[in-house]
């Protein structure tokens, strides 16, 4: 889904569009809302020390696998391996 469309739906609601009209206008459109915000991912990467995946998983209400995937993605962007 285009981010602008999601913003448009939110604006429509804030401007008084009824839920019924929103359903009729946008019904069937899939909306994905990620559980982990980019801001949380940044904090996770900063806080990760190589040994605290379980702690971060509990802190951010995520699985250890999700924490490790966030770290893997960040290190891939930086050109580093998980061992570094």
PDB file of N, CA and C in Angstrom:
ATOM      1  N   UNK A   1       0.840  -1.182   0.000  1.00  0.00           N
ATOM      2  CA  UNK A   1       0.000   0.000   0.000  1.00  0.00           C
ATOM      3  C   UNK A   1       0.882   1.242   0.000  1.00  0.00           C
ATOM      4  N   UNK A   2       0.477   2.184  -0.738  1.00  0.00           N
ATOM      5  CA  UNK A   2       1.183   3.454  -0.804  1.00  0.00           C
ATOM      6  C   UNK A   2       1.004   4.200   0.522  1.00  0.00           C
ATOM      7  N   UNK A   3       2.111   4.706   1.077  1.00  0.00           N
ATOM      8  CA  UNK A   3       2.052   5.444   2.335  1.00  0.00           C
ATOM      9  C   UNK A   3       1.101   6.631   2.227  1.00  0.00           C
ATOM     10  N   UNK A   4       1.071   7.275   1.071  1.00  0.00           N
ATOM     11  CA  UNK A   4       0.181   8.415   0.885  1.00  0.00           C
ATOM     12  C   UNK A   4      -1.282   8.010   0.996  1.00  0.00           C
ATOM     13  N   UNK A   5      -1.614   6.805   0.555  1.00  0.00           N
ATOM     14  CA  UNK A   5      -2.989   6.335   0.662  1.00  0.00           C
ATOM     15  C   UNK A   5      -3.369   6.154   2.126  1.00  0.00           C
ATOM     16  N   UNK A   6      -2.472   5.576   2.916  1.00  0.00           N
ATOM     17  CA  UNK A   6      -2.740   5.413   4.345  1.00  0.00           C
ATOM     18  C   UNK A   6      -2.931   6.775   5.003  1.00  0.00           C
ATOM     19  N   UNK A   7      -2.075   7.726   4.657  1.00  0.00           N
ATOM     20  CA  UNK A   7      -2.222   9.078   5.198  1.00  0.00           C
ATOM     21  C   UNK A   7      -3.556   9.688   4.765  1.00  0.00           C
ATOM     22  N   UNK A   8      -3.964   9.419   3.535  1.00  0.00           N
ATOM     23  CA  UNK A   8      -5.233   9.945   3.023  1.00  0.00           C
ATOM     24  C   UNK A   8      -6.409   9.355   3.801  1.00  0.00           C
ATOM     25  N   UNK A   9      -6.349   8.066   4.097  1.00  0.00           N
ATOM     26  CA  UNK A   9      -7.414   7.423   4.880  1.00  0.00           C
ATOM     27  C   UNK A   9      -7.499   8.061   6.261  1.00  0.00           C
ATOM     28  N   UNK A  10      -6.353   8.259   6.896  1.00  0.00           N
ATOM     29  CA  UNK A  10      -6.332   8.876   8.229  1.00  0.00           C
ATOM     30  C   UNK A  10      -6.881  10.296   8.183  1.00  0.00           C
ATOM     31  N   UNK A  11      -6.473  11.055   7.182  1.00  0.00           N
ATOM     32  CA  UNK A  11      -6.970  12.423   7.028  1.00  0.00           C
ATOM     33  C   UNK A  11      -8.479  12.431   6.794  1.00  0.00           C
ATOM     34  N   UNK A  12      -8.965  11.495   5.992  1.00  0.00           N
ATOM     35  CA  UNK A  12     -10.407  11.411   5.729  1.00  0.00           C
ATOM     36  C   UNK A  12     -11.169  11.208   7.029  1.00  0.00           C
ATOM     37  N   UNK A  13     -10.652  10.331   7.888  1.00  0.00           N
ATOM     38  CA  UNK A  13     -11.311  10.068   9.169  1.00  0.00           C
ATOM     39  C   UNK A  13     -11.244  11.305  10.065  1.00  0.00           C
ATOM     40  N   UNK A  14     -10.068  11.922  10.133  1.00  0.00           N
ATOM     41  CA  UNK A  14      -9.920  13.116  10.976  1.00  0.00           C
ATOM     42  C   UNK A  14     -10.823  14.246  10.506  1.00  0.00           C
ATOM     43  N   UNK A  15     -11.075  14.306   9.201  1.00  0.00           N
ATOM     44  CA  UNK A  15     -11.920  15.361   8.643  1.00  0.00           C
ATOM     45  C   UNK A  15     -13.405  15.037   8.709  1.00  0.00           C
ATOM     46  N   UNK A  16     -13.746  13.943   9.387  1.00  0.00           N
ATOM     47  CA  UNK A  16     -15.147  13.654   9.628  1.00  0.00           C
ATOM     48  C   UNK A  16     -15.786  12.608   8.738  1.00  0.00           C
ATOM     49  N   UNK A  17     -15.025  11.963   7.865  1.00  0.00           N
ATOM     50  CA  UNK A  17     -15.610  10.914   7.030  1.00  0.00           C
ATOM     51  C   UNK A  17     -16.074   9.779   7.940  1.00  0.00           C
ATOM     52  N   UNK A  18     -17.288   9.307   7.724  1.00  0.00           N
ATOM     53  CA  UNK A  18     -17.831   8.227   8.555  1.00  0.00           C
ATOM     54  C   UNK A  18     -17.115   6.918   8.252  1.00  0.00           C
ATOM     55  N   UNK A  19     -17.142   6.012   9.238  1.00  0.00           N
ATOM     56  CA  UNK A  19     -16.534   4.695   9.024  1.00  0.00           C
ATOM     57  C   UNK A  19     -17.213   3.967   7.864  1.00  0.00           C
ATOM     58  N   UNK A  20     -18.529   4.159   7.742  1.00  0.00           N
ATOM     59  CA  UNK A  20     -19.255   3.506   6.648  1.00  0.00           C
ATOM     60  C   UNK A  20     -18.708   3.962   5.290  1.00  0.00           C
ATOM     61  N   UNK A  21     -18.495   5.260   5.140  1.00  0.00           N
ATOM     62  CA  UNK A  21     -17.960   5.782   3.877  1.00  0.00           C
ATOM     63  C   UNK A  21     -16.512   5.315   3.671  1.00  0.00           C
ATOM     64  N   UNK A  22     -15.731   5.254   4.751  1.00  0.00           N
ATOM     65  CA  UNK A  22     -14.356   4.750   4.642  1.00  0.00           C
ATOM     66  C   UNK A  22     -14.382   3.306   4.169  1.00  0.00           C
ATOM     67  N   UNK A  23     -15.279   2.488   4.752  1.00  0.00           N
ATOM     68  CA  UNK A  23     -15.402   1.082   4.328  1.00  0.00           C
ATOM     69  C   UNK A  23     -15.740   0.990   2.846  1.00  0.00           C
ATOM     70  N   UNK A  24     -16.698   1.814   2.414  1.00  0.00           N
ATOM     71  CA  UNK A  24     -17.115   1.773   1.008  1.00  0.00           C
ATOM     72  C   UNK A  24     -16.014   2.272   0.076  1.00  0.00           C
ATOM     73  N   UNK A  25     -15.288   3.284   0.509  1.00  0.00           N
ATOM     74  CA  UNK A  25     -14.249   3.882  -0.330  1.00  0.00           C
ATOM     75  C   UNK A  25     -12.985   3.032  -0.379  1.00  0.00           C
ATOM     76  N   UNK A  26     -12.584   2.509   0.780  1.00  0.00           N
ATOM     77  CA  UNK A  26     -11.291   1.824   0.866  1.00  0.00           C
ATOM     78  C   UNK A  26     -11.410   0.333   1.162  1.00  0.00           C
ATOM     79  N   UNK A  27     -12.621  -0.189   1.209  1.00  0.00           N
ATOM     80  CA  UNK A  27     -12.815  -1.597   1.514  1.00  0.00           C
ATOM     81  C   UNK A  27     -12.025  -2.500   0.580  1.00  0.00           C
ATOM     82  N   UNK A  28     -11.389  -3.506   1.146  1.00  0.00           N
ATOM     83  CA  UNK A  28     -10.606  -4.450   0.362  1.00  0.00           C
ATOM     84  C   UNK A  28      -9.141  -4.083   0.215  1.00  0.00           C
ATOM     85  N   UNK A  29      -8.789  -2.871   0.624  1.00  0.00           N
ATOM     86  CA  UNK A  29      -7.392  -2.445   0.547  1.00  0.00           C
ATOM     87  C   UNK A  29      -6.642  -3.047   1.732  1.00  0.00           C
ATOM     88  N   UNK A  30      -5.522  -3.684   1.450  1.00  0.00           N
ATOM     89  CA  UNK A  30      -4.700  -4.256   2.519  1.00  0.00           C
ATOM     90  C   UNK A  30      -3.791  -3.184   3.093  1.00  0.00           C
ATOM     91  N   UNK A  31      -3.738  -3.141   4.404  1.00  0.00           N
ATOM     92  CA  UNK A  31      -2.866  -2.194   5.090  1.00  0.00           C
ATOM     93  C   UNK A  31      -1.927  -2.985   5.983  1.00  0.00           C
ATOM     94  N   UNK A  32      -0.627  -2.778   5.825  1.00  0.00           N
ATOM     95  CA  UNK A  32       0.364  -3.416   6.678  1.00  0.00           C
ATOM     96  C   UNK A  32       0.937  -2.357   7.606  1.00  0.00           C
ATOM     97  N   UNK A  33       0.819  -2.595   8.886  1.00  0.00           N
ATOM     98  CA  UNK A  33       1.386  -1.692   9.877  1.00  0.00           C
ATOM     99  C   UNK A  33       2.474  -2.469  10.600  1.00  0.00           C
ATOM    100  N   UNK A  34       3.736  -2.114  10.374  1.00  0.00           N
ATOM    101  CA  UNK A  34       4.818  -2.877  10.985  1.00  0.00           C
ATOM    102  C   UNK A  34       4.789  -2.777  12.503  1.00  0.00           C
ATOM    103  N   UNK A  35       5.155  -3.873  13.153  1.00  0.00           N
ATOM    104  CA  UNK A  35       5.177  -3.907  14.609  1.00  0.00           C
ATOM    105  C   UNK A  35       6.353  -3.106  15.149  1.00  0.00           C
ATOM    106  N   UNK A  36       7.434  -3.077  14.393  1.00  0.00           N
ATOM    107  CA  UNK A  36       8.645  -2.409  14.849  1.00  0.00           C
ATOM    108  C   UNK A  36       8.851  -1.132  14.049  1.00  0.00           C
ATOM    109  N   UNK A  37       8.826  -0.007  14.729  1.00  0.00           N
ATOM    110  CA  UNK A  37       9.033   1.264  14.047  1.00  0.00           C
ATOM    111  C   UNK A  37      10.509   1.438  13.699  1.00  0.00           C
ATOM    112  N   UNK A  38      10.793   2.249  12.700  1.00  0.00           N
ATOM    113  CA  UNK A  38      12.201   2.519  12.380  1.00  0.00           C
ATOM    114  C   UNK A  38      12.961   3.070  13.581  1.00  0.00           C
ATOM    115  N   UNK A  39      12.292   3.850  14.410  1.00  0.00           N
ATOM    116  CA  UNK A  39      12.919   4.407  15.607  1.00  0.00           C
ATOM    117  C   UNK A  39      13.294   3.296  16.587  1.00  0.00           C
ATOM    118  N   UNK A  40      12.404   2.327  16.775  1.00  0.00           N
ATOM    119  CA  UNK A  40      12.697   1.201  17.673  1.00  0.00           C
ATOM    120  C   UNK A  40      13.840   0.371  17.111  1.00  0.00           C
ATOM    121  N   UNK A  41      13.857   0.166  15.801  1.00  0.00           N
ATOM    122  CA  UNK A  41      14.953  -0.594  15.187  1.00  0.00           C
ATOM    123  C   UNK A  41      16.290   0.085  15.456  1.00  0.00           C
ATOM    124  N   UNK A  42      16.306   1.398  15.344  1.00  0.00           N
ATOM    125  CA  UNK A  42      17.534   2.150  15.598  1.00  0.00           C
ATOM    126  C   UNK A  42      18.001   1.948  17.044  1.00  0.00           C
ATOM    127  N   UNK A  43      17.066   2.000  17.983  1.00  0.00           N
ATOM    128  CA  UNK A  43      17.408   1.781  19.395  1.00  0.00           C
ATOM    129  C   UNK A  43      17.932   0.365  19.617  1.00  0.00           C
ATOM    130  N   UNK A  44      17.291  -0.605  18.985  1.00  0.00           N
ATOM    131  CA  UNK A  44      17.711  -2.004  19.132  1.00  0.00           C
ATOM    132  C   UNK A  44      19.147  -2.169  18.638  1.00  0.00           C
ATOM    133  N   UNK A  45      19.444  -1.602  17.484  1.00  0.00           N
ATOM    134  CA  UNK A  45      20.794  -1.708  16.923  1.00  0.00           C
ATOM    135  C   UNK A  45      21.805  -1.047  17.860  1.00  0.00           C
ATOM    136  N   UNK A  46      21.460   0.110  18.398  1.00  0.00           N
ATOM    137  CA  UNK A  46      22.364   0.822  19.305  1.00  0.00           C
ATOM    138  C   UNK A  46      22.576   0.057  20.609  1.00  0.00           C
ATOM    139  N   UNK A  47      21.531  -0.603  21.109  1.00  0.00           N
ATOM    140  CA  UNK A  47      21.608  -1.294  22.396  1.00  0.00           C
ATOM    141  C   UNK A  47      22.198  -2.697  22.299  1.00  0.00           C
ATOM    142  N   UNK A  48      22.196  -3.277  21.110  1.00  0.00           N
ATOM    143  CA  UNK A  48      22.669  -4.656  20.958  1.00  0.00           C
ATOM    144  C   UNK A  48      24.172  -4.725  21.204  1.00  0.00           C
ATOM    145  N   UNK A  49      24.577  -5.665  22.084  1.00  0.00           N
ATOM    146  CA  UNK A  49      26.000  -5.810  22.392  1.00  0.00           C
ATOM    147  C   UNK A  49      26.555  -7.174  21.989  1.00  0.00           C
ATOM    148  N   UNK A  50      25.747  -7.956  21.291  1.00  0.00           N
ATOM    149  CA  UNK A  50      26.186  -9.281  20.869  1.00  0.00           C
ATOM    150  C   UNK A  50      25.696 -10.394  21.775  1.00  0.00           C
ATOM    151  N   UNK A  51      25.281 -10.032  22.984  1.00  0.00           N
ATOM    152  CA  UNK A  51      24.874 -11.033  23.970  1.00  0.00           C
ATOM    153  C   UNK A  51      23.482 -10.795  24.546  1.00  0.00           C
ATOM    154  N   UNK A  52      22.848  -9.703  24.197  1.00  0.00           N
ATOM    155  CA  UNK A  52      21.603  -9.326  24.869  1.00  0.00           C
ATOM    156  C   UNK A  52      20.352  -9.418  23.993  1.00  0.00           C
ATOM    157  N   UNK A  53      20.337 -10.333  23.036  1.00  0.00           N
ATOM    158  CA  UNK A  53      19.166 -10.474  22.158  1.00  0.00           C
ATOM    159  C   UNK A  53      17.916 -10.842  22.956  1.00  0.00           C
ATOM    160  N   UNK A  54      18.051 -11.732  23.943  1.00  0.00           N
ATOM    161  CA  UNK A  54      16.888 -12.137  24.749  1.00  0.00           C
ATOM    162  C   UNK A  54      16.350 -10.950  25.545  1.00  0.00           C
ATOM    163  N   UNK A  55      17.239 -10.166  26.132  1.00  0.00           N
ATOM    164  CA  UNK A  55      16.830  -8.988  26.894  1.00  0.00           C
ATOM    165  C   UNK A  55      16.088  -7.999  25.996  1.00  0.00           C
ATOM    166  N   UNK A  56      16.654  -7.724  24.811  1.00  0.00           N
ATOM    167  CA  UNK A  56      16.016  -6.782  23.887  1.00  0.00           C
ATOM    168  C   UNK A  56      14.684  -7.315  23.375  1.00  0.00           C
ATOM    169  N   UNK A  57      14.614  -8.616  23.155  1.00  0.00           N
ATOM    170  CA  UNK A  57      13.355  -9.224  22.714  1.00  0.00           C
ATOM    171  C   UNK A  57      12.268  -8.982  23.754  1.00  0.00           C
ATOM    172  N   UNK A  58      12.615  -9.178  25.016  1.00  0.00           N
ATOM    173  CA  UNK A  58      11.645  -8.948  26.098  1.00  0.00           C
ATOM    174  C   UNK A  58      11.302  -7.454  26.190  1.00  0.00           C
ATOM    175  N   UNK A  59      12.312  -6.610  26.145  1.00  0.00           N
ATOM    176  CA  UNK A  59      12.111  -5.161  26.274  1.00  0.00           C
ATOM    177  C   UNK A  59      11.193  -4.608  25.182  1.00  0.00           C
ATOM    178  N   UNK A  60      11.366  -5.081  23.951  1.00  0.00           N
ATOM    179  CA  UNK A  60      10.602  -4.550  22.819  1.00  0.00           C
ATOM    180  C   UNK A  60       9.434  -5.445  22.405  1.00  0.00           C
ATOM    181  N   UNK A  61       9.168  -6.491  23.199  1.00  0.00           N
ATOM    182  CA  UNK A  61       8.063  -7.413  22.937  1.00  0.00           C
ATOM    183  C   UNK A  61       8.162  -8.025  21.535  1.00  0.00           C
ATOM    184  N   UNK A  62       9.364  -8.522  21.219  1.00  0.00           N
ATOM    185  CA  UNK A  62       9.638  -9.159  19.937  1.00  0.00           C
ATOM    186  C   UNK A  62      10.297 -10.504  20.192  1.00  0.00           C
ATOM    187  N   UNK A  63      10.415 -11.313  19.165  1.00  0.00           N
ATOM    188  CA  UNK A  63      11.135 -12.580  19.308  1.00  0.00           C
ATOM    189  C   UNK A  63      12.636 -12.319  19.166  1.00  0.00           C
ATOM    190  N   UNK A  64      13.429 -13.248  19.696  1.00  0.00           N
ATOM    191  CA  UNK A  64      14.881 -13.133  19.528  1.00  0.00           C
ATOM    192  C   UNK A  64      15.243 -13.174  18.046  1.00  0.00           C
ATOM    193  N   UNK A  65      14.513 -13.980  17.284  1.00  0.00           N
ATOM    194  CA  UNK A  65      14.779 -14.046  15.840  1.00  0.00           C
ATOM    195  C   UNK A  65      14.558 -12.693  15.173  1.00  0.00           C
ATOM    196  N   UNK A  66      13.521 -11.980  15.597  1.00  0.00           N
ATOM    197  CA  UNK A  66      13.257 -10.657  15.033  1.00  0.00           C
ATOM    198  C   UNK A  66      14.381  -9.693  15.397  1.00  0.00           C
ATOM    199  N   UNK A  67      14.842  -9.750  16.639  1.00  0.00           N
ATOM    200  CA  UNK A  67      15.962  -8.901  17.067  1.00  0.00           C
ATOM    201  C   UNK A  67      17.183  -9.192  16.202  1.00  0.00           C
ATOM    202  N   UNK A  68      17.491 -10.469  16.031  1.00  0.00           N
ATOM    203  CA  UNK A  68      18.673 -10.843  15.244  1.00  0.00           C
ATOM    204  C   UNK A  68      18.517 -10.434  13.769  1.00  0.00           C
ATOM    205  N   UNK A  69      17.297 -10.501  13.251  1.00  0.00           N
ATOM    206  CA  UNK A  69      17.054 -10.076  11.869  1.00  0.00           C
ATOM    207  C   UNK A  69      17.254  -8.562  11.732  1.00  0.00           C
ATOM    208  N   UNK A  70      16.809  -7.805  12.706  1.00  0.00           N
ATOM    209  CA  UNK A  70      17.014  -6.351  12.698  1.00  0.00           C
ATOM    210  C   UNK A  70      18.510  -6.041  12.697  1.00  0.00           C
ATOM    211  N   UNK A  71      19.261  -6.751  13.527  1.00  0.00           N
ATOM    212  CA  UNK A  71      20.711  -6.552  13.600  1.00  0.00           C
ATOM    213  C   UNK A  71      21.364  -6.956  12.280  1.00  0.00           C
ATOM    214  N   UNK A  72      20.924  -8.092  11.733  1.00  0.00           N
ATOM    215  CA  UNK A  72      21.475  -8.574  10.459  1.00  0.00           C
ATOM    216  C   UNK A  72      21.249  -7.544   9.343  1.00  0.00           C
ATOM    217  N   UNK A  73      20.036  -7.005   9.276  1.00  0.00           N
ATOM    218  CA  UNK A  73      19.711  -6.005   8.249  1.00  0.00           C
ATOM    219  C   UNK A  73      20.572  -4.755   8.411  1.00  0.00           C
ATOM    220  N   UNK A  74      20.722  -4.308   9.659  1.00  0.00           N
ATOM    221  CA  UNK A  74      21.512  -3.102   9.921  1.00  0.00           C
ATOM    222  C   UNK A  74      22.972  -3.327   9.554  1.00  0.00           C
ATOM    223  N   UNK A  75      23.489  -4.478   9.910  1.00  0.00           N
ATOM    224  CA  UNK A  75      24.900  -4.765   9.615  1.00  0.00           C
ATOM    225  C   UNK A  75      25.122  -4.981   8.125  1.00  0.00           C
ATOM    226  N   UNK A  76      24.117  -5.516   7.459  1.00  0.00           N
ATOM    227  CA  UNK A  76      24.229  -5.687   6.007  1.00  0.00           C
ATOM    228  C   UNK A  76      24.325  -4.318   5.337  1.00  0.00           C
ATOM    229  N   UNK A  77      23.503  -3.382   5.801  1.00  0.00           N
ATOM    230  CA  UNK A  77      23.555  -2.016   5.267  1.00  0.00           C
ATOM    231  C   UNK A  77      24.915  -1.374   5.537  1.00  0.00           C
ATOM    232  N   UNK A  78      25.501  -1.712   6.696  1.00  0.00           N
ATOM    233  CA  UNK A  78      26.801  -1.147   7.076  1.00  0.00           C
ATOM    234  C   UNK A  78      27.968  -1.954   6.526  1.00  0.00           C
ATOM    235  N   UNK A  79      27.685  -3.116   5.927  1.00  0.00           N
ATOM    236  CA  UNK A  79      28.737  -3.961   5.389  1.00  0.00           C
ATOM    237  C   UNK A  79      29.486  -4.750   6.444  1.00  0.00           C
ATOM    238  N   UNK A  80      28.818  -5.067   7.569  1.00  0.00           N
ATOM    239  CA  UNK A  80      29.437  -5.829   8.651  1.00  0.00           C
ATOM    240  C   UNK A  80      28.766  -7.185   8.772  1.00  0.00           C
ATOM    241  N   UNK A  81      29.437  -8.118   9.438  1.00  0.00           N
ATOM    242  CA  UNK A  81      28.848  -9.432   9.702  1.00  0.00           C
ATOM    243  C   UNK A  81      28.279  -9.448  11.111  1.00  0.00           C
ATOM    244  N   UNK A  82      27.516 -10.491  11.442  1.00  0.00           N
ATOM    245  CA  UNK A  82      26.932 -10.620  12.784  1.00  0.00           C
ATOM    246  C   UNK A  82      28.014 -10.765  13.851  1.00  0.00           C
ATOM    247  N   UNK A  83      29.184 -11.309  13.502  1.00  0.00           N
ATOM    248  CA  UNK A  83      30.228 -11.564  14.481  1.00  0.00           C
ATOM    249  C   UNK A  83      30.956 -10.298  14.905  1.00  0.00           C
ATOM    250  N   UNK A  84      30.859  -9.239  14.113  1.00  0.00           N
ATOM    251  CA  UNK A  84      31.604  -8.012  14.422  1.00  0.00           C
ATOM    252  C   UNK A  84      30.954  -7.253  15.550  1.00  0.00           C
TER     253      UNK A  84
END
